[in-house]
Amino acid sequence: MVRALQKLAAAGAVVLAAVSLQPTTTASAAPAPVVGGVRAAQGEFPWMVRLSMGCGGSLITPQVVLTAAHCVSGSGNNTGITATAGVVDLRSSSAIKVRSTKVLQAPGYNGKGKDWALIKLASPITSLPTLKIAETTAYNSGTFTVAGWGAAREGGAQQRYLLKANVPFVSDASCQASYGSDLVPSEEICAGYTQGGVDTCQGDSGGPMFRKDNAGAWIQVGIVSWGEGCARAGYPGVYTEVSTFAAAIKSAAATL
């Protein structure tokens, strides 16, 4: 299941499904909060962004947010998205809110793989640092950190406060054992615990998966994409492998 939100008409329930994605995989589209997480401290991940359609994102330049392709409905001018940044508490009076002006959905995106998109903001957020993206596979292993305002349990409510958790790398072979042909190993990276319990969930879609580089700085290696449910045993979270698309992302961001 993809990890964005969509309101269900029946009984006003909320399910973790993409706002615009028609899933083409056989694995049920999973919601994307952080399950098993703890609250992040104010300023701990200052480049985290909450998007008004119910997704997360990261500030990769002062005026461009990196998120998931399934969180947006295509490319072009778009002033309908509001980005909230600079706070862990979404109700904080000090939150920075900026509208979108353009969206670029990954070229060739069709619901499987290539799950990245860029959102250009109406004005740059110069008061916050940006998050570096991985340009090689050097950091595609070890233990990663994920963060988001998504559900803290499968089918749960969105969170007011930013949650964070650590998840270990899962090999392509192990991930394919869970998801079979639904996984695109050349474009996706998996992370999570065999026993489950910690994962991204509904509303975390588009947010970053990151770790420290050799210089001790945060670097983004993944984008929250999809998974079977949330934190289920034997089903790790699936993330867009940022290094695969880094050149395209940087080029698009420069010309957006």
Protein backbone atom coordinates (compact mmCIF):
# COMPACT_ATOMS: atom_id res chain seq x y z
CA MET A 1 0.00 0.00 0.00
CA VAL A 2 1.29 3.41 -0.81
CA ARG A 3 1.84 5.61 2.18
CA ALA A 4 -0.21 8.69 1.45
CA LEU A 5 -3.68 9.50 2.72
CA GLN A 6 -7.05 9.34 1.10
CA LYS A 7 -10.38 9.87 2.83
CA LEU A 8 -12.78 7.01 2.48
CA ALA A 9 -16.38 7.99 1.98
CA ALA A 10 -17.71 5.07 3.99
CA ALA A 11 -18.01 5.93 7.66
CA GLY A 12 -15.49 8.72 7.24
CA ALA A 13 -12.66 6.23 7.66
CA VAL A 14 -9.15 7.08 6.56
CA VAL A 15 -7.03 4.61 4.67
CA LEU A 16 -3.43 4.77 3.63
CA ALA A 17 -3.70 5.13 -0.10
CA ALA A 18 -2.24 7.55 -2.57
CA VAL A 19 -4.12 10.69 -3.34
CA SER A 20 -3.59 10.20 -7.03
CA LEU A 21 -2.00 6.79 -7.51
CA GLN A 22 -3.82 3.89 -9.05
CA PRO A 23 -1.67 1.03 -7.71
CA THR A 24 -0.46 -1.37 -10.35
CA THR A 25 1.19 -3.76 -7.92
CA THR A 26 -0.47 -6.76 -6.36
CA ALA A 27 0.67 -5.84 -2.88
CA SER A 28 -2.08 -3.85 -1.20
CA ALA A 29 -1.20 -0.19 -1.13
CA ALA A 30 0.00 0.51 2.40
CA PRO A 31 -0.37 3.69 4.36
CA ALA A 32 2.80 5.47 4.97
CA PRO A 33 2.84 7.75 10.70
CA VAL A 34 5.94 6.41 11.95
CA VAL A 35 5.02 3.25 13.85
CA GLY A 36 7.14 2.54 16.91
CA GLY A 37 8.61 6.03 16.83
CA VAL A 38 9.32 8.71 19.39
CA ARG A 39 8.89 12.47 19.17
CA ALA A 40 11.59 14.39 17.37
CA ALA A 41 13.04 17.43 19.13
CA GLN A 42 12.38 20.90 17.75
CA GLY A 43 15.13 21.66 15.23
CA GLU A 44 16.39 18.06 15.09
CA PHE A 45 15.43 17.59 11.43
CA PRO A 46 14.90 21.18 10.28
CA TRP A 47 14.51 20.28 6.61
CA MET A 48 11.39 18.14 7.23
CA VAL A 49 8.28 19.41 5.46
CA ARG A 50 4.62 18.53 5.87
CA LEU A 51 2.54 18.85 2.70
CA SER A 52 -1.15 19.72 2.78
CA MET A 53 -2.26 16.72 0.70
CA GLY A 54 -1.18 14.43 3.55
CA CYS A 55 2.42 13.63 2.63
CA GLY A 56 5.88 14.44 3.90
CA GLY A 57 8.86 15.90 2.08
CA SER A 58 12.35 17.28 2.49
CA LEU A 59 13.73 20.69 1.66
CA ILE A 60 16.56 19.92 -0.79
CA THR A 61 17.02 23.56 -1.85
CA PRO A 62 15.55 26.64 -0.17
CA GLN A 63 12.72 26.62 -2.72
CA VAL A 64 12.30 22.95 -3.71
CA VAL A 65 10.74 20.08 -1.75
CA LEU A 66 11.47 16.46 -2.66
CA THR A 67 8.51 14.12 -2.13
CA ALA A 68 6.91 11.00 -3.67
CA ALA A 69 5.40 10.91 -7.16
CA HIS A 70 2.28 9.19 -5.84
CA CYS A 71 1.60 12.22 -3.64
CA VAL A 72 0.97 14.48 -6.64
CA SER A 73 -1.29 14.24 -9.67
CA GLY A 74 1.12 15.18 -12.44
CA SER A 75 3.45 17.95 -13.54
CA GLY A 76 2.80 21.62 -14.18
CA ASN A 77 1.72 24.81 -12.47
CA ASN A 78 0.14 24.07 -9.09
CA THR A 79 -0.70 26.58 -6.38
CA GLY A 80 -2.87 24.21 -4.38
CA ILE A 81 -0.26 22.70 -2.06
CA THR A 82 0.83 24.26 1.21
CA ALA A 83 4.18 23.29 2.72
CA THR A 84 4.58 23.58 6.49
CA ALA A 85 8.17 23.72 7.74
CA GLY A 86 10.35 24.75 10.64
CA VAL A 87 8.37 23.01 13.39
CA VAL A 88 7.74 19.57 14.89
CA ASP A 89 4.32 20.69 16.17
CA LEU A 90 2.05 21.33 13.20
CA ARG A 91 -0.09 23.66 15.35
CA SER A 92 2.84 25.85 16.35
CA SER A 93 2.40 29.56 15.75
CA SER A 94 5.99 29.70 14.49
CA ALA A 95 5.36 27.30 11.59
CA ILE A 96 6.54 28.50 8.20
CA LYS A 97 3.82 28.01 5.58
CA VAL A 98 4.51 28.50 1.87
CA ARG A 99 2.32 27.71 -1.12
CA SER A 100 3.45 25.75 -4.14
CA THR A 101 3.86 27.19 -7.62
CA LYS A 102 4.91 24.18 -9.70
CA VAL A 103 5.06 20.40 -9.45
CA LEU A 104 7.30 18.01 -11.35
CA GLN A 105 6.36 14.36 -11.17
CA ALA A 106 9.10 11.90 -12.13
CA PRO A 107 9.14 11.38 -15.92
CA GLY A 108 7.79 7.95 -16.77
CA TYR A 109 6.11 7.41 -13.41
CA ASN A 110 3.25 4.91 -13.75
CA GLY A 111 2.65 3.68 -10.21
CA LYS A 112 5.58 1.28 -9.96
CA GLY A 113 9.08 2.60 -9.28
CA LYS A 114 10.26 6.13 -10.12
CA ASP A 115 8.37 7.35 -7.05
CA TRP A 116 9.77 10.87 -6.70
CA ALA A 117 8.49 14.37 -7.35
CA LEU A 118 9.54 17.96 -6.80
CA ILE A 119 7.45 20.85 -5.53
CA LYS A 120 8.59 24.41 -6.16
CA LEU A 121 7.62 26.87 -3.45
CA ALA A 122 6.37 30.39 -4.08
CA SER A 123 9.29 31.80 -2.10
CA PRO A 124 12.52 30.30 -0.71
CA ILE A 125 12.75 29.28 2.92
CA THR A 126 16.15 30.76 3.70
CA SER A 127 15.95 30.37 7.46
CA LEU A 128 16.22 26.58 7.36
CA PRO A 129 19.03 24.26 6.25
CA THR A 130 18.50 21.89 3.35
CA LEU A 131 18.99 18.12 3.21
CA LYS A 132 21.71 16.72 0.97
CA ILE A 133 20.68 13.82 -1.28
CA ALA A 134 22.80 10.73 -1.85
CA GLU A 135 24.43 10.70 -5.27
CA THR A 136 26.10 7.29 -4.93
CA THR A 137 25.18 4.00 -3.26
CA ALA A 138 27.85 4.52 -0.58
CA TYR A 139 25.28 5.14 2.14
CA ASN A 140 22.63 2.64 1.03
CA SER A 141 23.28 0.34 4.00
CA GLY A 142 23.43 0.34 7.78
CA THR A 143 20.77 1.92 9.96
CA PHE A 144 18.54 4.68 8.66
CA THR A 145 16.30 7.25 10.32
CA VAL A 146 12.76 7.94 9.17
CA ALA A 147 10.48 10.75 10.33
CA GLY A 148 6.97 11.91 9.64
CA TRP A 149 3.60 13.08 10.89
CA GLY A 150 1.85 9.95 9.65
CA ALA A 151 -0.03 7.36 11.66
CA ALA A 152 1.57 5.74 14.69
CA ARG A 153 -0.26 2.49 13.97
CA GLU A 154 -1.78 0.89 10.89
CA GLY A 155 -5.07 2.64 10.19
CA GLY A 156 -4.38 5.25 12.87
CA ALA A 157 -4.75 9.00 12.87
CA GLN A 158 -2.23 11.54 11.63
CA GLN A 159 0.07 12.99 14.24
CA ARG A 160 0.35 16.55 15.50
CA TYR A 161 4.01 16.07 16.43
CA LEU A 162 6.83 14.82 14.24
CA LEU A 163 7.83 11.24 15.08
CA LYS A 164 11.14 9.56 14.31
CA ALA A 165 12.47 6.00 14.32
CA ASN A 166 15.48 3.99 13.21
CA VAL A 167 15.18 1.12 10.72
CA PRO A 168 17.89 -1.24 9.42
CA PHE A 169 18.70 -1.86 5.76
CA VAL A 170 17.06 -4.92 4.20
CA SER A 171 18.74 -6.54 1.20
CA ASP A 172 17.04 -6.68 -2.19
CA ALA A 173 16.95 -10.48 -1.99
CA SER A 174 15.24 -10.46 1.37
CA CYS A 175 12.82 -7.74 0.29
CA GLN A 176 11.96 -9.64 -2.89
CA ALA A 177 11.18 -12.67 -0.77
CA SER A 178 8.43 -10.56 0.79
CA TYR A 179 7.19 -8.64 -2.23
CA GLY A 180 8.21 -10.65 -5.28
CA SER A 181 7.89 -8.87 -8.61
CA ASP A 182 6.19 -5.85 -7.00
CA LEU A 183 9.64 -4.66 -5.93
CA VAL A 184 11.82 -2.77 -8.41
CA PRO A 185 15.31 -3.48 -6.96
CA SER A 186 17.10 -1.09 -9.31
CA GLU A 187 14.93 1.81 -8.15
CA GLU A 188 13.89 0.91 -4.60
CA ILE A 189 15.58 0.24 -1.27
CA CYS A 190 14.02 -1.56 1.68
CA ALA A 191 14.37 -1.07 5.42
CA GLY A 192 12.72 -2.49 8.51
CA TYR A 193 12.79 -5.23 11.13
CA THR A 194 12.00 -8.88 10.38
CA GLN A 195 9.76 -8.96 13.43
CA GLY A 196 8.03 -5.72 12.42
CA GLY A 197 7.01 -3.14 15.01
CA VAL A 198 8.78 -0.10 13.53
CA ASP A 199 7.92 1.39 10.15
CA THR A 200 6.60 4.36 8.24
CA CYS A 201 2.85 4.40 7.75
CA GLN A 202 -0.11 6.35 6.33
CA GLY A 203 0.76 10.00 5.91
CA ASP A 204 4.53 9.48 5.86
CA SER A 205 4.69 9.10 2.06
CA GLY A 206 7.21 11.37 0.40
CA GLY A 207 9.22 11.93 3.56
CA PRO A 208 12.94 11.19 3.69
CA MET A 209 14.84 8.15 4.90
CA PHE A 210 18.28 9.38 5.91
CA ARG A 211 21.51 8.64 7.79
CA LYS A 212 24.79 10.32 8.63
CA ASP A 213 27.49 10.52 5.98
CA ASN A 214 31.22 10.11 6.64
CA ALA A 215 31.41 13.77 7.69
CA GLY A 216 28.62 13.35 10.21
CA ALA A 217 26.04 15.27 8.16
CA TRP A 218 22.56 13.98 7.36
CA ILE A 219 22.09 12.63 3.85
CA GLN A 220 18.87 11.40 2.25
CA VAL A 221 19.02 7.88 0.82
CA GLY A 222 15.32 7.11 0.41
CA ILE A 223 11.80 8.50 -0.06
CA VAL A 224 8.90 6.85 1.78
CA SER A 225 7.01 4.97 -0.94
CA TRP A 226 5.00 1.86 -0.04
CA GLY A 227 4.70 -1.36 1.92
CA GLU A 228 2.29 -4.08 3.00
CA GLY A 229 0.38 -2.48 5.86
CA CYS A 230 2.49 -0.79 8.54
CA ALA A 231 5.18 -2.46 10.63
CA ARG A 232 3.98 -5.97 9.81
CA ALA A 233 6.41 -8.82 10.48
CA GLY A 234 8.13 -9.94 7.31
CA TYR A 235 7.14 -6.85 5.32
CA PRO A 236 9.76 -4.06 5.40
CA GLY A 237 9.08 -0.54 4.20
CA VAL A 238 9.92 0.18 0.57
CA TYR A 239 11.62 3.46 -0.30
CA THR A 240 12.60 5.15 -3.54
CA GLU A 241 16.38 4.78 -3.89
CA VAL A 242 17.48 8.40 -4.11
CA SER A 243 20.96 7.71 -5.49
CA THR A 244 19.41 6.09 -8.58
CA PHE A 245 17.60 9.32 -9.43
CA ALA A 246 19.97 11.88 -7.90
CA ALA A 247 21.21 13.28 -11.21
CA ALA A 248 17.67 13.65 -12.54
CA ILE A 249 16.44 15.18 -9.28
CA LYS A 250 19.25 17.74 -9.14
CA SER A 251 18.85 18.66 -12.79
CA ALA A 252 15.09 19.05 -12.47
CA ALA A 253 15.41 21.09 -9.26
CA ALA A 254 17.81 23.47 -10.97
CA THR A 255 15.41 24.16 -13.82
CA LEU A 256 12.04 23.96 -12.04
